[in-house]
């Protein structure tokens, strides 16, 4: 089942608990992964799921339609992606964690790509924003060990130079690794 955004969707920030949620009508509530220390300052406790949010939702859904993934996983990824796009603090590139690729690649928003760590262990990411020089990427695997001091968890985001990004050659995913 694919959820369809409507006028009843509402971002809610609980100031006392420092948590963000997305009310999906009267019956459902989505708890995004993004932690408060990584969020921009939120001024209002209730915010509409905007037209921009809806546009991104359908763009990402279209991009992921080519991949053989359950709809529930696609929606879960997309809602975490929109949360990061809308509420994550701006990031500077941290490309030094990743190996430079032989061929320069220009990813597109919503594309699934691979980033290979310096130890040559790669992981799959969803491109949230793609610019000429950099891309903001969200990890879709459970974790990615980048160094002894740095490990990304599923739905963490990182900005990298595009010379670190490589295209995925396959459209099939090991569901157990990315759920």
Protein backbone atom coordinates (compact mmCIF):
# COMPACT_ATOMS: atom_id res chain seq x y z
CA UNK A 1 0.00 0.00 0.00
CA UNK A 2 1.35 3.40 -0.99
CA UNK A 3 0.37 6.26 1.28
CA UNK A 4 -0.85 9.38 -0.50
CA UNK A 5 -0.10 12.75 1.12
CA UNK A 6 -3.13 14.92 1.81
CA UNK A 7 -4.17 18.05 3.72
CA UNK A 8 -4.37 16.09 7.00
CA UNK A 9 -0.64 15.30 7.13
CA UNK A 10 1.04 17.41 9.78
CA UNK A 11 4.57 17.71 11.14
CA UNK A 12 4.49 17.94 14.93
CA UNK A 13 7.38 18.89 17.17
CA UNK A 14 6.98 18.04 20.84
CA UNK A 15 9.06 20.70 22.57
CA UNK A 16 9.04 18.93 25.94
CA UNK A 17 10.18 15.57 24.55
CA UNK A 18 12.28 17.10 21.74
CA UNK A 19 10.78 14.74 19.18
CA UNK A 20 9.50 15.24 15.68
CA UNK A 21 6.67 13.19 14.22
CA UNK A 22 4.52 13.24 11.11
CA UNK A 23 0.80 12.75 11.68
CA UNK A 24 -0.63 10.88 8.71
CA UNK A 25 -4.27 11.70 9.33
CA UNK A 26 -6.13 10.66 12.47
CA UNK A 27 -4.92 7.08 12.70
CA UNK A 28 -1.21 6.96 11.83
CA UNK A 29 1.90 8.66 13.13
CA UNK A 30 5.37 8.35 11.60
CA UNK A 31 8.45 8.71 13.82
CA UNK A 32 11.40 9.76 11.64
CA UNK A 33 14.96 8.76 12.47
CA UNK A 34 16.37 12.32 12.61
CA UNK A 35 17.54 13.26 16.10
CA UNK A 36 16.97 16.72 17.59
CA UNK A 37 20.70 17.55 17.84
CA UNK A 38 20.93 17.28 14.04
CA UNK A 39 17.80 19.39 13.34
CA UNK A 40 17.55 23.03 12.43
CA UNK A 41 15.73 25.14 15.00
CA UNK A 42 11.99 24.46 14.79
CA UNK A 43 9.86 27.49 15.66
CA UNK A 44 6.39 25.99 15.53
CA UNK A 45 5.04 22.85 17.13
CA UNK A 46 2.70 22.10 14.17
CA UNK A 47 3.61 22.54 10.50
CA UNK A 48 1.73 21.44 7.41
CA UNK A 49 3.17 18.76 5.16
CA UNK A 50 3.85 21.30 2.43
CA UNK A 51 3.42 21.25 -1.32
CA UNK A 52 7.22 21.00 -1.57
CA UNK A 53 7.16 17.96 0.74
CA UNK A 54 4.46 16.37 -1.41
CA UNK A 55 6.39 17.10 -4.61
CA UNK A 56 9.53 15.47 -3.20
CA UNK A 57 7.46 12.51 -1.98
CA UNK A 58 6.18 11.76 -5.48
CA UNK A 59 9.56 12.45 -7.14
CA UNK A 60 11.29 9.98 -4.84
CA UNK A 61 8.48 7.45 -5.25
CA UNK A 62 8.88 7.69 -9.03
CA UNK A 63 12.66 7.27 -8.79
CA UNK A 64 12.28 4.18 -6.59
CA UNK A 65 9.57 2.62 -8.77
CA UNK A 66 12.20 0.82 -10.88
CA UNK A 67 13.49 -1.07 -7.85
CA UNK A 68 11.95 -4.29 -6.66
CA UNK A 69 11.27 -3.22 -3.09
CA UNK A 70 8.13 -3.53 -0.96
CA UNK A 71 6.04 -0.37 -0.96
CA UNK A 72 6.30 -0.11 2.83
CA UNK A 73 10.10 0.15 2.58
CA UNK A 74 9.89 2.76 -0.18
CA UNK A 75 7.50 4.91 1.89
CA UNK A 76 9.67 4.50 5.02
CA UNK A 77 12.78 5.64 3.10
CA UNK A 78 10.92 8.52 1.47
CA UNK A 79 9.47 9.89 4.71
CA UNK A 80 12.92 9.75 6.35
CA UNK A 81 14.40 11.42 3.26
CA UNK A 82 11.86 14.26 3.36
CA UNK A 83 12.51 14.70 7.08
CA UNK A 84 16.24 15.05 6.41
CA UNK A 85 15.75 17.41 3.45
CA UNK A 86 13.42 19.65 5.42
CA UNK A 87 14.83 19.56 8.96
CA UNK A 88 18.49 18.44 8.92
CA UNK A 89 21.13 21.06 9.71
CA UNK A 90 23.25 22.04 6.69
CA UNK A 91 26.33 19.88 6.22
CA UNK A 92 29.79 20.44 4.81
CA UNK A 93 31.17 17.68 2.56
CA UNK A 94 32.95 14.86 4.37
CA UNK A 95 34.40 13.23 1.28
CA UNK A 96 37.62 12.09 2.98
CA UNK A 97 35.81 9.02 4.33
CA UNK A 98 35.23 7.72 0.80
CA UNK A 99 37.41 6.52 -2.07
CA UNK A 100 37.63 8.65 -5.20
CA UNK A 101 36.00 6.91 -8.15
CA UNK A 102 37.76 6.46 -11.51
CA UNK A 103 34.82 7.92 -13.43
CA UNK A 104 33.14 11.15 -12.34
CA UNK A 105 29.44 10.54 -11.91
CA UNK A 106 26.59 13.06 -11.70
CA UNK A 107 23.82 11.54 -9.55
CA UNK A 108 20.19 12.65 -9.56
CA UNK A 109 17.85 13.26 -6.63
CA UNK A 110 16.17 10.02 -5.61
CA UNK A 111 18.79 7.79 -7.21
CA UNK A 112 20.28 4.87 -5.33
CA UNK A 113 24.08 5.06 -5.41
CA UNK A 114 27.09 3.46 -3.79
CA UNK A 115 29.72 5.17 -1.67
CA UNK A 116 32.88 3.15 -1.07
CA UNK A 117 34.78 3.76 2.16
CA UNK A 118 38.57 4.04 2.21
CA UNK A 119 38.70 0.42 3.39
CA UNK A 120 36.84 -0.45 0.14
CA UNK A 121 33.66 -1.45 1.91
CA UNK A 122 30.77 0.07 -0.02
CA UNK A 123 27.23 0.88 1.08
CA UNK A 124 24.05 1.97 -0.65
CA UNK A 125 22.70 5.49 -0.26
CA UNK A 126 19.69 7.44 -1.50
CA UNK A 127 20.58 10.80 -3.05
CA UNK A 128 18.52 13.52 -1.32
CA UNK A 129 20.00 16.53 -3.11
CA UNK A 130 22.29 16.55 -6.11
CA UNK A 131 24.28 19.62 -7.10
CA UNK A 132 26.98 20.04 -9.71
CA UNK A 133 29.82 19.36 -7.25
CA UNK A 134 28.24 17.65 -4.22
CA UNK A 135 25.45 15.32 -3.20
CA UNK A 136 23.58 14.91 0.06
CA UNK A 137 23.10 11.18 0.61
CA UNK A 138 21.11 9.12 3.12
CA UNK A 139 22.35 5.66 4.13
CA UNK A 140 19.75 2.98 3.43
CA UNK A 141 21.69 0.02 4.81
CA UNK A 142 21.74 -0.74 8.55
CA UNK A 143 25.18 0.83 9.07
CA UNK A 144 28.35 1.82 7.26
CA UNK A 145 31.69 1.70 9.08
CA UNK A 146 33.82 4.55 7.75
CA UNK A 147 36.65 4.59 10.29
CA UNK A 148 37.43 3.55 13.85
CA UNK A 149 35.72 6.75 15.01
CA UNK A 150 32.92 7.14 12.45
CA UNK A 151 30.00 4.83 11.74
CA UNK A 152 26.82 5.90 10.02
CA UNK A 153 23.52 4.32 11.02
CA UNK A 154 20.56 3.74 8.71
CA UNK A 155 19.01 7.08 7.64
CA UNK A 156 22.05 9.15 8.66
CA UNK A 157 22.94 11.69 6.01
CA UNK A 158 26.29 12.81 4.70
CA UNK A 159 27.38 15.27 2.03
CA UNK A 160 30.12 14.19 -0.36
CA UNK A 161 31.84 15.45 -3.48
CA UNK A 162 30.41 13.77 -6.59
CA UNK A 163 33.78 12.20 -7.44
CA UNK A 164 33.08 9.79 -4.55
CA UNK A 165 29.68 8.65 -5.87
CA UNK A 166 29.23 5.63 -8.13
CA UNK A 167 26.19 4.29 -9.92
CA UNK A 168 24.65 1.02 -8.78
CA UNK A 169 24.86 -1.60 -11.48
CA UNK A 170 21.94 -3.62 -10.18
CA UNK A 171 18.34 -2.79 -9.34
CA UNK A 172 17.79 -5.71 -6.97
CA UNK A 173 18.58 -5.24 -3.28
CA UNK A 174 19.10 -7.60 -0.41
CA UNK A 175 16.03 -6.52 1.57
CA UNK A 176 17.47 -7.79 4.85
CA UNK A 177 20.44 -5.43 4.48
CA UNK A 178 18.45 -2.29 3.75
CA UNK A 179 15.42 -2.64 6.01
